[in-house]
Amino acid sequence: MAAGMCKLVEAILFLLFLLFSVVSPIIDAQTCLPLHLFPDVLIDLKSRYAQEYDNYLIVEKPGFFVGIAWLEILLLWPLSIANLFGIVTRKSWVKTTCLIYGFSTFTAVDPGDC
């Protein structure tokens, strides 16, 4: 039973890290980098999300939010890719990198956005 649970957790983590590996460079990076680097369709997608969910952080880009976005691009995005590799190849270090990812994400959560 424990082996089945581990495989389920690995599958869920794989899907989450795959999502994060795609979302970070195309959505989060728009917070940090000049918009002319992105295709209009991605800019429109992020703008529609901000309007539909009334997300003031995406619209106003306060300094702390830009800092969190940089953290995601510089630390969490590479960790997502490393975790994908670690899960697929069954590396022993993947537990440590998942813990780093989780702790970093946990400490960067903005309670004002709930």
C-alpha atoms as a PDB file:
ATOM      1  CA  MET A   1       0.000   0.000   0.000  1.00  0.00           C
ATOM      2  CA  ALA A   2       2.800   2.445   0.838  1.00  0.00           C
ATOM      3  CA  ALA A   3       4.437   1.889  -2.562  1.00  0.00           C
ATOM      4  CA  GLY A   4       1.150   2.695  -4.313  1.00  0.00           C
ATOM      5  CA  MET A   5       0.781   5.881  -2.274  1.00  0.00           C
ATOM      6  CA  CYS A   6       4.342   6.936  -3.146  1.00  0.00           C
ATOM      7  CA  LYS A   7       3.637   6.451  -6.852  1.00  0.00           C
ATOM      8  CA  LEU A   8       0.461   8.520  -6.557  1.00  0.00           C
ATOM      9  CA  VAL A   9       2.324  11.334  -4.782  1.00  0.00           C
ATOM     10  CA  GLU A  10       5.095  11.215  -7.405  1.00  0.00           C
ATOM     11  CA  ALA A  11       2.519  11.417 -10.203  1.00  0.00           C
ATOM     12  CA  ILE A  12       0.812  14.425  -8.595  1.00  0.00           C
ATOM     13  CA  LEU A  13       4.153  16.140  -7.995  1.00  0.00           C
ATOM     14  CA  PHE A  14       5.204  15.444 -11.576  1.00  0.00           C
ATOM     15  CA  LEU A  15       2.040  17.091 -12.922  1.00  0.00           C
ATOM     16  CA  LEU A  16       2.437  20.089 -10.605  1.00  0.00           C
ATOM     17  CA  PHE A  17       6.104  20.595 -11.495  1.00  0.00           C
ATOM     18  CA  LEU A  18       5.246  20.260 -15.185  1.00  0.00           C
ATOM     19  CA  LEU A  19       2.627  22.983 -14.770  1.00  0.00           C
ATOM     20  CA  PHE A  20       5.043  25.219 -12.840  1.00  0.00           C
ATOM     21  CA  SER A  21       7.748  24.656 -15.455  1.00  0.00           C
ATOM     22  CA  VAL A  22       5.428  26.033 -18.122  1.00  0.00           C
ATOM     23  CA  VAL A  23       3.656  28.789 -16.186  1.00  0.00           C
ATOM     24  CA  SER A  24       6.705  30.454 -14.624  1.00  0.00           C
ATOM     25  CA  PRO A  25       8.497  31.491 -17.805  1.00  0.00           C
ATOM     26  CA  ILE A  26       5.380  32.567 -19.712  1.00  0.00           C
ATOM     27  CA  ILE A  27       3.207  34.158 -17.006  1.00  0.00           C
ATOM     28  CA  ASP A  28       5.326  35.008 -13.949  1.00  0.00           C
ATOM     29  CA  ALA A  29       8.165  36.378 -16.039  1.00  0.00           C
ATOM     30  CA  GLN A  30       5.820  39.072 -17.376  1.00  0.00           C
ATOM     31  CA  THR A  31       5.934  40.620 -13.916  1.00  0.00           C
ATOM     32  CA  CYS A  32       9.719  41.025 -14.042  1.00  0.00           C
ATOM     33  CA  LEU A  33      10.692  41.426 -17.660  1.00  0.00           C
ATOM     34  CA  PRO A  34       9.696  43.946 -20.353  1.00  0.00           C
ATOM     35  CA  LEU A  35       6.420  43.014 -22.017  1.00  0.00           C
ATOM     36  CA  HIS A  36       7.825  43.380 -25.529  1.00  0.00           C
ATOM     37  CA  LEU A  37       9.621  40.058 -24.937  1.00  0.00           C
ATOM     38  CA  PHE A  38       6.296  38.182 -24.856  1.00  0.00           C
ATOM     39  CA  PRO A  39       3.767  37.419 -27.584  1.00  0.00           C
ATOM     40  CA  ASP A  40       0.510  39.356 -27.436  1.00  0.00           C
ATOM     41  CA  VAL A  41      -1.500  36.211 -26.748  1.00  0.00           C
ATOM     42  CA  LEU A  42       0.368  35.637 -23.442  1.00  0.00           C
ATOM     43  CA  ILE A  43       0.052  39.278 -22.423  1.00  0.00           C
ATOM     44  CA  ASP A  44      -3.683  39.157 -23.161  1.00  0.00           C
ATOM     45  CA  LEU A  45      -4.046  35.918 -21.198  1.00  0.00           C
ATOM     46  CA  LYS A  46      -2.460  37.449 -18.112  1.00  0.00           C
ATOM     47  CA  SER A  47      -4.491  40.670 -18.491  1.00  0.00           C
ATOM     48  CA  ARG A  48      -7.760  38.753 -18.793  1.00  0.00           C
ATOM     49  CA  TYR A  49      -6.879  36.733 -15.690  1.00  0.00           C
ATOM     50  CA  ALA A  50      -6.109  39.916 -13.730  1.00  0.00           C
ATOM     51  CA  GLN A  51      -9.402  41.521 -14.766  1.00  0.00           C
ATOM     52  CA  GLU A  52     -11.574  38.432 -14.308  1.00  0.00           C
ATOM     53  CA  TYR A  53     -10.274  37.635 -10.833  1.00  0.00           C
ATOM     54  CA  ASP A  54      -9.637  41.265  -9.824  1.00  0.00           C
ATOM     55  CA  ASN A  55      -6.016  40.466  -8.976  1.00  0.00           C
ATOM     56  CA  TYR A  56      -4.536  43.795  -7.950  1.00  0.00           C
ATOM     57  CA  LEU A  57      -1.047  42.313  -7.553  1.00  0.00           C
ATOM     58  CA  ILE A  58      -0.764  41.545 -11.255  1.00  0.00           C
ATOM     59  CA  VAL A  59      -2.132  44.959 -12.227  1.00  0.00           C
ATOM     60  CA  GLU A  60      -0.224  47.153  -9.755  1.00  0.00           C
ATOM     61  CA  LYS A  61       2.970  45.054  -9.449  1.00  0.00           C
ATOM     62  CA  PRO A  62       3.999  46.154  -5.936  1.00  0.00           C
ATOM     63  CA  GLY A  63       7.677  45.724  -5.112  1.00  0.00           C
ATOM     64  CA  PHE A  64       7.259  42.690  -2.873  1.00  0.00           C
ATOM     65  CA  PHE A  65       5.285  40.913  -5.605  1.00  0.00           C
ATOM     66  CA  VAL A  66       7.975  41.606  -8.190  1.00  0.00           C
ATOM     67  CA  GLY A  67      10.495  40.178  -5.703  1.00  0.00           C
ATOM     68  CA  ILE A  68       8.417  37.020  -5.327  1.00  0.00           C
ATOM     69  CA  ALA A  69       8.174  36.734  -9.117  1.00  0.00           C
ATOM     70  CA  TRP A  70      11.977  36.996  -9.378  1.00  0.00           C
ATOM     71  CA  LEU A  71      12.270  34.276  -6.741  1.00  0.00           C
ATOM     72  CA  GLU A  72      10.005  32.070  -8.829  1.00  0.00           C
ATOM     73  CA  ILE A  73      11.976  32.691 -12.011  1.00  0.00           C
ATOM     74  CA  LEU A  74      15.473  32.394 -10.538  1.00  0.00           C
ATOM     75  CA  LEU A  75      14.941  29.623  -7.953  1.00  0.00           C
ATOM     76  CA  LEU A  76      11.637  27.839  -8.315  1.00  0.00           C
ATOM     77  CA  TRP A  77      11.565  27.468 -12.097  1.00  0.00           C
ATOM     78  CA  PRO A  78      14.964  25.706 -12.225  1.00  0.00           C
ATOM     79  CA  LEU A  79      13.927  23.607  -9.210  1.00  0.00           C
ATOM     80  CA  SER A  80      10.752  22.578 -11.054  1.00  0.00           C
ATOM     81  CA  ILE A  81      12.796  21.372 -14.000  1.00  0.00           C
ATOM     82  CA  ALA A  82      15.273  19.600 -11.716  1.00  0.00           C
ATOM     83  CA  ASN A  83      12.397  17.946  -9.841  1.00  0.00           C
ATOM     84  CA  LEU A  84      10.863  16.725 -13.091  1.00  0.00           C
ATOM     85  CA  PHE A  85      14.198  15.182 -14.013  1.00  0.00           C
ATOM     86  CA  GLY A  86      14.631  13.743 -10.521  1.00  0.00           C
ATOM     87  CA  ILE A  87      11.193  12.149 -10.478  1.00  0.00           C
ATOM     88  CA  VAL A  88      11.556  10.612 -13.939  1.00  0.00           C
ATOM     89  CA  THR A  89      15.061   9.262 -13.273  1.00  0.00           C
ATOM     90  CA  ARG A  90      14.320   8.331  -9.624  1.00  0.00           C
ATOM     91  CA  LYS A  91      17.194  10.380  -8.194  1.00  0.00           C
ATOM     92  CA  SER A  92      17.740  10.208  -4.439  1.00  0.00           C
ATOM     93  CA  TRP A  93      18.073  13.988  -4.138  1.00  0.00           C
ATOM     94  CA  VAL A  94      14.540  14.700  -5.412  1.00  0.00           C
ATOM     95  CA  LYS A  95      13.119  14.607  -1.871  1.00  0.00           C
ATOM     96  CA  THR A  96      15.497  17.387  -0.852  1.00  0.00           C
ATOM     97  CA  THR A  97      14.756  19.584  -3.883  1.00  0.00           C
ATOM     98  CA  CYS A  98      11.009  19.057  -3.402  1.00  0.00           C
ATOM     99  CA  LEU A  99      11.406  20.160   0.217  1.00  0.00           C
ATOM    100  CA  ILE A 100      13.324  23.266  -0.855  1.00  0.00           C
ATOM    101  CA  TYR A 101      10.617  24.070  -3.402  1.00  0.00           C
ATOM    102  CA  GLY A 102       7.822  23.550  -0.905  1.00  0.00           C
ATOM    103  CA  PHE A 103       9.452  25.566   1.853  1.00  0.00           C
ATOM    104  CA  SER A 104      10.223  28.449  -0.494  1.00  0.00           C
ATOM    105  CA  THR A 105       6.661  28.468  -1.820  1.00  0.00           C
ATOM    106  CA  PHE A 106       5.204  28.250   1.682  1.00  0.00           C
ATOM    107  CA  THR A 107       7.219  31.233   2.928  1.00  0.00           C
ATOM    108  CA  ALA A 108       6.365  33.368  -0.127  1.00  0.00           C
ATOM    109  CA  VAL A 109       2.574  33.015   0.178  1.00  0.00           C
ATOM    110  CA  ASP A 110       0.869  36.373   0.484  1.00  0.00           C
ATOM    111  CA  PRO A 111      -1.959  36.203   3.042  1.00  0.00           C
ATOM    112  CA  GLY A 112      -3.384  39.463   1.664  1.00  0.00           C
ATOM    113  CA  ASP A 113      -4.237  37.757  -1.610  1.00  0.00           C
ATOM    114  CA  CYS A 114      -6.567  35.165  -0.029  1.00  0.00           C
END
